[in-house]
Amino acid sequence: MHAMHYAITLPADYDMEIIRRRVKSKGPLLDTFEGLGLKAYGIRERGVDGSPVNQYAPFYLWADPDAMNRFLTGDGFRALARDFGRPAVLNWQGLYHRSGPAAGRPPRAFTRRIETIPDGADAAGTIERARTAHEELAAADGVHTTALGLDPRRWELVHFTLWADSVPESAAGERFRVLHLSAPGSIRPAAGPHAGTVPQPERRS
């Protein structure tokens, strides 16, 4: 698994209905994208849930790194770069991913938190504590999917959780509303006891 995220910050007076219409028309195009585990089409709106900015900020879990590269060099991302400028794309090696009790319901929000592993800290111990926390979180009511990733260049962890209902007050990190979820395929578990899968959305006719 690879996690990927980028954020496009928009003007304070930007009409976010433009983003909603864009996601409504273009979001389903990735519902069958081979190699994609899931894409959560997230937005933040200035003054909502404590956000200081308007942002379009999708988050991805990729089952296949070749598919991620194919997406980044394909027509869809090229159109995004043309309309908004090419964003900096963050990505992390997957350490943990699992569906939660609310995986059968469409998610309404996600949280994303970056944790820096300080110089001199025990990286292995920090990662194991984070993984244990996600194992506990995966069993919590309202959790659709939770994942943990590592950027070893920056020594940063990303904590990502999709929520089927509103985000609990106790949840840490930036909060994004989910406009659409594309989840064309499961992410196969890696070897070991800590791996999990990205759930499939309910299919509605």
Protein backbone atom coordinates (compact mmCIF):
# COMPACT_ATOMS: atom_id res chain seq x y z
CA MET A 1 0.00 0.00 0.00
CA HIS A 2 1.02 3.58 -0.71
CA ALA A 3 -0.77 6.61 0.74
CA MET A 4 -0.91 9.84 -1.27
CA HIS A 5 -2.28 13.29 -0.59
CA TYR A 6 -2.22 16.78 -2.04
CA ALA A 7 -4.03 19.97 -1.07
CA ILE A 8 -5.04 22.81 -3.37
CA THR A 9 -5.63 25.96 -1.34
CA LEU A 10 -8.24 28.25 -2.87
CA PRO A 11 -9.05 31.95 -2.31
CA ALA A 12 -11.00 32.88 0.82
CA ASP A 13 -14.00 33.95 -1.28
CA TYR A 14 -13.87 30.94 -3.63
CA ASP A 15 -17.23 29.38 -4.44
CA MET A 16 -16.80 25.81 -3.18
CA GLU A 17 -19.86 24.74 -5.18
CA ILE A 18 -17.46 24.71 -8.15
CA ILE A 19 -15.49 21.93 -6.45
CA ARG A 20 -18.65 20.07 -5.53
CA ARG A 21 -19.84 20.14 -9.14
CA ARG A 22 -16.39 19.05 -10.36
CA VAL A 23 -16.32 16.07 -8.00
CA LYS A 24 -19.89 15.10 -8.88
CA SER A 25 -19.03 14.96 -12.59
CA LYS A 26 -15.47 13.62 -12.47
CA GLY A 27 -15.35 11.59 -9.26
CA PRO A 28 -17.04 8.47 -10.67
CA LEU A 29 -14.34 8.26 -13.38
CA LEU A 30 -12.00 6.65 -10.83
CA ASP A 31 -14.58 4.21 -9.48
CA THR A 32 -13.07 1.53 -11.72
CA PHE A 33 -9.42 2.68 -11.85
CA GLU A 34 -7.29 -0.46 -11.70
CA GLY A 35 -4.77 -0.48 -8.87
CA LEU A 36 -6.53 2.16 -6.77
CA GLY A 37 -7.56 1.05 -3.29
CA LEU A 38 -9.56 4.17 -2.52
CA LYS A 39 -9.73 7.89 -3.17
CA ALA A 40 -11.54 10.14 -0.71
CA TYR A 41 -12.47 13.44 -2.37
CA GLY A 42 -11.96 15.77 0.58
CA ILE A 43 -12.60 19.47 1.01
CA ARG A 44 -12.10 22.00 3.78
CA GLU A 45 -14.11 25.22 3.92
CA ARG A 46 -12.96 28.39 5.62
CA GLY A 47 -14.71 28.79 8.96
CA VAL A 48 -16.10 25.23 9.02
CA ASP A 49 -14.74 22.69 11.54
CA GLY A 50 -11.99 25.11 12.46
CA SER A 51 -10.53 25.34 8.96
CA PRO A 52 -8.69 28.61 8.20
CA VAL A 53 -8.76 27.96 4.43
CA ASN A 54 -10.74 26.66 1.49
CA GLN A 55 -9.08 23.54 0.09
CA TYR A 56 -9.66 20.70 -2.31
CA ALA A 57 -7.60 17.90 -0.80
CA PRO A 58 -8.07 14.29 -1.95
CA PHE A 59 -6.46 11.37 -0.12
CA TYR A 60 -5.55 8.09 -1.85
CA LEU A 61 -4.58 4.57 -0.84
CA TRP A 62 -2.93 2.74 -3.73
CA ALA A 63 -2.71 -1.03 -4.01
CA ASP A 64 -0.22 -0.75 -6.89
CA PRO A 65 2.54 1.91 -7.15
CA ASP A 66 2.51 1.56 -10.95
CA ALA A 67 -1.15 2.60 -10.90
CA MET A 68 -0.25 5.64 -8.79
CA ASN A 69 2.37 6.65 -11.35
CA ARG A 70 -0.07 6.04 -14.18
CA PHE A 71 -2.58 8.33 -12.52
CA LEU A 72 -0.05 11.12 -11.89
CA THR A 73 1.01 11.13 -15.54
CA GLY A 74 -2.49 10.63 -16.96
CA ASP A 75 -5.13 12.91 -18.41
CA GLY A 76 -7.08 13.39 -15.19
CA PHE A 77 -4.18 14.76 -13.17
CA ARG A 78 -3.03 16.77 -16.20
CA ALA A 79 -6.45 18.47 -16.27
CA LEU A 80 -6.25 19.21 -12.54
CA ALA A 81 -2.81 20.81 -12.99
CA ARG A 82 -4.12 22.85 -15.91
CA ASP A 83 -7.07 24.21 -13.92
CA PHE A 84 -5.43 24.79 -10.52
CA GLY A 85 -1.66 24.50 -11.01
CA ARG A 86 0.32 21.34 -10.35
CA PRO A 87 0.25 20.60 -6.62
CA ALA A 88 3.03 19.10 -4.53
CA VAL A 89 2.11 15.45 -4.00
CA LEU A 90 2.97 13.83 -0.68
CA ASN A 91 3.25 10.06 -0.42
CA TRP A 92 4.02 7.53 2.28
CA GLN A 93 4.85 3.85 2.47
CA GLY A 94 1.93 1.96 3.94
CA LEU A 95 2.45 0.49 7.40
CA TYR A 96 -1.12 -0.37 8.39
CA HIS A 97 -4.58 -0.28 6.85
CA ARG A 98 -7.84 -1.81 7.98
CA SER A 99 -11.58 -1.36 7.60
CA GLY A 100 -13.65 -0.49 10.64
CA PRO A 101 -17.16 -1.31 11.88
CA ALA A 102 -18.70 1.38 9.63
CA ALA A 103 -17.08 0.15 6.40
CA GLY A 104 -20.47 -0.70 4.92
CA ARG A 105 -21.62 2.92 5.04
CA PRO A 106 -20.43 5.81 2.87
CA PRO A 107 -17.91 8.01 4.71
CA ARG A 108 -18.78 11.62 5.47
CA ALA A 109 -15.39 12.88 6.62
CA PHE A 110 -11.75 12.05 7.09
CA THR A 111 -8.99 13.20 9.41
CA ARG A 112 -5.33 13.52 8.47
CA ARG A 113 -2.56 14.07 10.99
CA ILE A 114 1.19 14.32 10.40
CA GLU A 115 3.48 13.14 13.20
CA THR A 116 7.20 13.90 13.00
CA ILE A 117 9.59 11.36 14.53
CA PRO A 118 12.15 13.60 16.28
CA ASP A 119 15.88 13.20 15.81
CA GLY A 120 17.20 10.85 18.45
CA ALA A 121 13.82 9.25 19.07
CA ASP A 122 13.35 5.50 18.82
CA ALA A 123 11.73 5.31 15.36
CA ALA A 124 10.76 1.65 15.72
CA GLY A 125 9.09 2.29 19.07
CA THR A 126 7.23 5.35 17.76
CA ILE A 127 5.97 3.42 14.74
CA GLU A 128 4.86 0.46 16.85
CA ARG A 129 2.93 2.72 19.23
CA ALA A 130 1.25 4.40 16.27
CA ARG A 131 0.38 1.03 14.75
CA THR A 132 -1.10 -0.18 18.03
CA ALA A 133 -3.22 2.97 18.26
CA HIS A 134 -4.58 2.31 14.75
CA GLU A 135 -5.40 -1.28 15.68
CA GLU A 136 -7.52 0.06 18.53
CA LEU A 137 -9.02 2.76 16.32
CA ALA A 138 -10.02 0.20 13.68
CA ALA A 139 -12.49 -1.27 16.17
CA ALA A 140 -14.09 2.05 17.13
CA ASP A 141 -17.68 2.89 16.24
CA GLY A 142 -17.99 5.15 13.23
CA VAL A 143 -14.64 4.23 11.68
CA HIS A 144 -14.88 3.33 8.01
CA THR A 145 -11.16 2.86 7.26
CA THR A 146 -7.94 3.75 9.04
CA ALA A 147 -4.38 3.76 7.72
CA LEU A 148 -0.86 4.64 8.78
CA GLY A 149 2.04 5.54 6.47
CA LEU A 150 5.71 6.52 6.75
CA ASP A 151 7.79 9.01 4.78
CA PRO A 152 11.37 7.92 5.63
CA ARG A 153 12.92 10.94 3.92
CA ARG A 154 11.26 13.33 6.36
CA TRP A 155 10.72 10.70 9.09
CA GLU A 156 7.05 11.56 9.24
CA LEU A 157 4.03 9.40 9.91
CA VAL A 158 0.64 10.12 8.36
CA HIS A 159 -2.45 9.10 10.31
CA PHE A 160 -5.51 8.83 8.06
CA THR A 161 -9.03 7.83 9.11
CA LEU A 162 -12.31 7.83 7.21
CA TRP A 163 -15.42 8.37 9.34
CA ALA A 164 -18.93 7.28 8.40
CA ASP A 165 -20.47 9.89 10.69
CA SER A 166 -19.21 13.21 12.02
CA VAL A 167 -15.65 13.22 13.35
CA PRO A 168 -15.52 12.73 17.15
CA GLU A 169 -14.39 15.76 19.12
CA SER A 170 -11.51 13.71 20.52
CA ALA A 171 -10.07 12.91 17.07
CA ALA A 172 -6.83 14.73 16.31
CA GLY A 173 -5.77 16.20 12.98
CA GLU A 174 -7.16 18.27 10.15
CA ARG A 175 -10.77 17.53 9.26
CA PHE A 176 -12.09 17.17 5.72
CA ARG A 177 -15.56 16.54 4.39
CA VAL A 178 -15.83 13.69 1.88
CA LEU A 179 -17.74 14.53 -1.30
CA HIS A 180 -17.25 11.15 -2.97
CA LEU A 181 -15.41 7.88 -2.38
CA SER A 182 -13.91 5.87 -5.22
CA ALA A 183 -12.98 2.39 -4.01
CA PRO A 184 -12.58 0.12 -7.03
CA GLY A 185 -10.50 -2.60 -5.40
CA SER A 186 -9.29 -4.00 -2.11
CA ILE A 187 -5.71 -3.45 -1.03
CA ARG A 188 -4.30 -6.90 -0.44
CA PRO A 189 -2.86 -7.38 3.05
CA ALA A 190 0.91 -7.37 3.39
CA ALA A 191 2.63 -10.19 5.20
CA GLY A 192 2.45 -10.03 8.97
CA PRO A 193 -0.17 -9.68 11.69
CA HIS A 194 -0.76 -5.93 11.34
CA ALA A 195 -1.98 -5.67 7.78
CA GLY A 196 -5.55 -5.06 6.74
CA THR A 197 -7.67 -4.30 3.71
CA VAL A 198 -9.43 -1.32 2.30
CA PRO A 199 -13.16 -2.08 2.21
CA GLN A 200 -15.35 -2.11 -0.85
CA PRO A 201 -18.21 0.39 -1.08
CA GLU A 202 -21.76 -0.81 -1.20
CA ARG A 203 -22.93 -1.20 -4.78
CA ARG A 204 -26.22 0.52 -5.44
CA SER A 205 -28.19 0.19 -8.64
